[in-house]
């Protein structure tokens, strides 16, 4: 049961661009001293740099994450909206990405977890961030769970 109207989607996109831009600027200026975990959930945040699938420009997105056996897990929830976040569409088109966690920067390859892997990893994220389960209920969209693996 979709809930987004064009107006809701537009407002969400504008709000996300404004708040994420401010977040990214603080994070980059301080190597994560500000922005790593100073959000309303106290959640660890990484910066994911993707290549715009339309523009070809670099796009930096702050995302909550969990670590699992040297891999980094993020979820493309877009707060339970009916559309995928733009960063997810970007990494589907070009899975070679860059990640920053605090002051550490590295290249990675992104992939969407398959159904079995998603069933295993979802509780890791939902256990740390219970709002992800609520987002599942808010949309009919299959919310992607993304695995980021270092390439060097």
Protein backbone atom coordinates (compact mmCIF):
# COMPACT_ATOMS: atom_id res chain seq x y z
CA UNK A 1 0.00 0.00 0.00
CA UNK A 2 1.95 3.01 -1.25
CA UNK A 3 1.82 6.12 0.92
CA UNK A 4 3.87 8.66 -1.02
CA UNK A 5 2.15 11.40 -2.94
CA UNK A 6 4.17 13.61 -5.30
CA UNK A 7 4.08 16.38 -2.69
CA UNK A 8 5.27 14.09 0.11
CA UNK A 9 8.09 12.79 -2.10
CA UNK A 10 9.16 16.33 -3.05
CA UNK A 11 9.19 17.48 0.58
CA UNK A 12 11.14 14.41 1.67
CA UNK A 13 13.72 14.91 -1.09
CA UNK A 14 14.18 18.59 -0.21
CA UNK A 15 14.53 17.83 3.49
CA UNK A 16 16.99 15.00 2.84
CA UNK A 17 19.17 17.18 0.58
CA UNK A 18 19.27 19.99 3.13
CA UNK A 19 19.98 17.89 6.22
CA UNK A 20 22.36 15.46 4.54
CA UNK A 21 24.33 18.33 2.99
CA UNK A 22 24.83 19.89 6.41
CA UNK A 23 25.73 16.50 7.89
CA UNK A 24 28.27 15.72 5.16
CA UNK A 25 29.92 19.14 5.52
CA UNK A 26 30.39 18.68 9.29
CA UNK A 27 31.64 15.11 8.86
CA UNK A 28 34.17 16.02 6.17
CA UNK A 29 35.43 19.11 8.00
CA UNK A 30 36.13 17.13 11.19
CA UNK A 31 36.97 13.65 9.85
CA UNK A 32 33.82 12.42 11.52
CA UNK A 33 34.44 13.93 14.96
CA UNK A 34 31.16 15.69 14.21
CA UNK A 35 28.72 13.61 12.24
CA UNK A 36 29.85 10.07 13.03
CA UNK A 37 27.36 9.53 15.84
CA UNK A 38 25.85 12.91 16.69
CA UNK A 39 22.46 12.23 15.15
CA UNK A 40 19.10 11.80 16.83
CA UNK A 41 19.62 8.03 17.13
CA UNK A 42 23.28 8.10 18.25
CA UNK A 43 23.89 5.75 15.34
CA UNK A 44 27.29 5.31 13.69
CA UNK A 45 27.33 6.99 10.31
CA UNK A 46 29.57 6.50 7.30
CA UNK A 47 29.83 8.60 4.18
CA UNK A 48 29.11 6.75 0.95
CA UNK A 49 30.32 8.34 -2.27
CA UNK A 50 28.57 7.08 -5.39
CA UNK A 51 28.63 8.19 -9.01
CA UNK A 52 25.36 9.77 -10.11
CA UNK A 53 23.67 7.39 -12.54
CA UNK A 54 22.31 10.34 -14.53
CA UNK A 55 24.83 13.14 -13.93
CA UNK A 56 28.06 11.16 -13.58
CA UNK A 57 28.98 13.44 -10.64
CA UNK A 58 30.12 12.24 -7.24
CA UNK A 59 27.33 12.16 -4.66
CA UNK A 60 28.07 11.83 -0.93
CA UNK A 61 25.42 10.38 1.37
CA UNK A 62 25.56 9.96 5.16
CA UNK A 63 24.21 6.53 6.10
CA UNK A 64 23.76 4.57 9.30
CA UNK A 65 25.74 1.35 9.18
CA UNK A 66 26.73 -1.81 10.98
CA UNK A 67 29.88 -3.86 10.55
CA UNK A 68 29.80 -7.59 9.91
CA UNK A 69 33.00 -9.59 9.51
CA UNK A 70 34.90 -6.70 7.91
CA UNK A 71 31.99 -5.71 5.66
CA UNK A 72 29.78 -2.68 6.11
CA UNK A 73 26.01 -2.97 5.96
CA UNK A 74 23.64 -0.16 4.99
CA UNK A 75 19.92 -0.15 4.24
CA UNK A 76 18.17 1.72 1.43
CA UNK A 77 15.06 2.49 3.46
CA UNK A 78 14.56 6.14 2.54
CA UNK A 79 12.49 6.29 5.75
CA UNK A 80 10.01 3.75 4.40
CA UNK A 81 9.17 5.70 1.28
CA UNK A 82 7.82 4.06 -1.84
CA UNK A 83 10.93 4.83 -3.91
CA UNK A 84 14.55 3.78 -3.58
CA UNK A 85 16.99 6.44 -2.39
CA UNK A 86 19.05 8.00 -5.16
CA UNK A 87 22.31 6.71 -3.66
CA UNK A 88 20.99 3.17 -4.09
CA UNK A 89 20.08 3.73 -7.74
CA UNK A 90 23.58 5.14 -8.23
CA UNK A 91 25.37 2.10 -6.79
CA UNK A 92 23.20 -0.31 -8.75
CA UNK A 93 24.38 1.45 -11.92
CA UNK A 94 28.01 1.73 -10.70
CA UNK A 95 28.91 -0.50 -7.74
CA UNK A 96 32.44 0.88 -7.29
CA UNK A 97 32.09 3.35 -4.45
CA UNK A 98 34.13 5.15 -1.80
CA UNK A 99 33.48 4.99 1.92
CA UNK A 100 34.59 7.21 4.79
CA UNK A 101 34.29 6.09 8.40
CA UNK A 102 35.52 8.86 10.65
CA UNK A 103 38.92 9.78 9.15
CA UNK A 104 39.42 6.51 7.26
CA UNK A 105 38.68 6.52 3.53
CA UNK A 106 38.67 3.46 1.28
CA UNK A 107 37.40 2.10 -2.01
CA UNK A 108 34.67 -0.52 -1.87
CA UNK A 109 32.33 -2.51 -4.04
CA UNK A 110 28.63 -2.38 -3.25
CA UNK A 111 26.15 -5.15 -3.82
CA UNK A 112 22.57 -5.79 -2.85
CA UNK A 113 22.24 -8.74 -0.49
CA UNK A 114 20.28 -11.69 -1.83
CA UNK A 115 17.23 -12.97 0.06
CA UNK A 116 19.09 -15.47 2.29
CA UNK A 117 21.87 -13.03 3.16
CA UNK A 118 19.31 -10.29 3.80
CA UNK A 119 17.41 -12.54 6.24
CA UNK A 120 20.67 -13.10 8.10
CA UNK A 121 21.86 -9.48 8.14
CA UNK A 122 18.56 -7.62 8.62
CA UNK A 123 18.38 -8.46 12.36
CA UNK A 124 21.88 -7.00 12.81
CA UNK A 125 20.65 -3.65 11.48
CA UNK A 126 17.15 -3.76 13.00
CA UNK A 127 18.60 -4.76 16.37
CA UNK A 128 20.74 -1.64 16.40
CA UNK A 129 18.19 0.57 14.64
CA UNK A 130 14.62 -0.63 15.42
CA UNK A 131 13.08 1.97 13.11
CA UNK A 132 14.11 -0.17 10.11
CA UNK A 133 11.41 -2.71 10.97
CA UNK A 134 8.84 0.10 11.04
CA UNK A 135 10.02 1.22 7.61
CA UNK A 136 9.32 -2.28 6.25
CA UNK A 137 5.71 -1.88 7.34
CA UNK A 138 5.42 1.58 5.76
CA UNK A 139 5.93 0.48 2.14
CA UNK A 140 5.31 -2.35 -0.28
CA UNK A 141 8.77 -1.76 -1.75
CA UNK A 142 11.44 -4.39 -1.15
CA UNK A 143 13.86 -2.32 0.92
CA UNK A 144 17.40 -3.23 -0.16
CA UNK A 145 20.13 -4.21 2.26
CA UNK A 146 23.52 -3.32 0.79
CA UNK A 147 26.88 -4.91 1.57
CA UNK A 148 29.99 -2.75 1.12
CA UNK A 149 33.23 -4.72 0.76
CA UNK A 150 36.67 -3.12 0.66
CA UNK A 151 38.50 -3.44 -2.63
CA UNK A 152 41.93 -2.36 -1.36
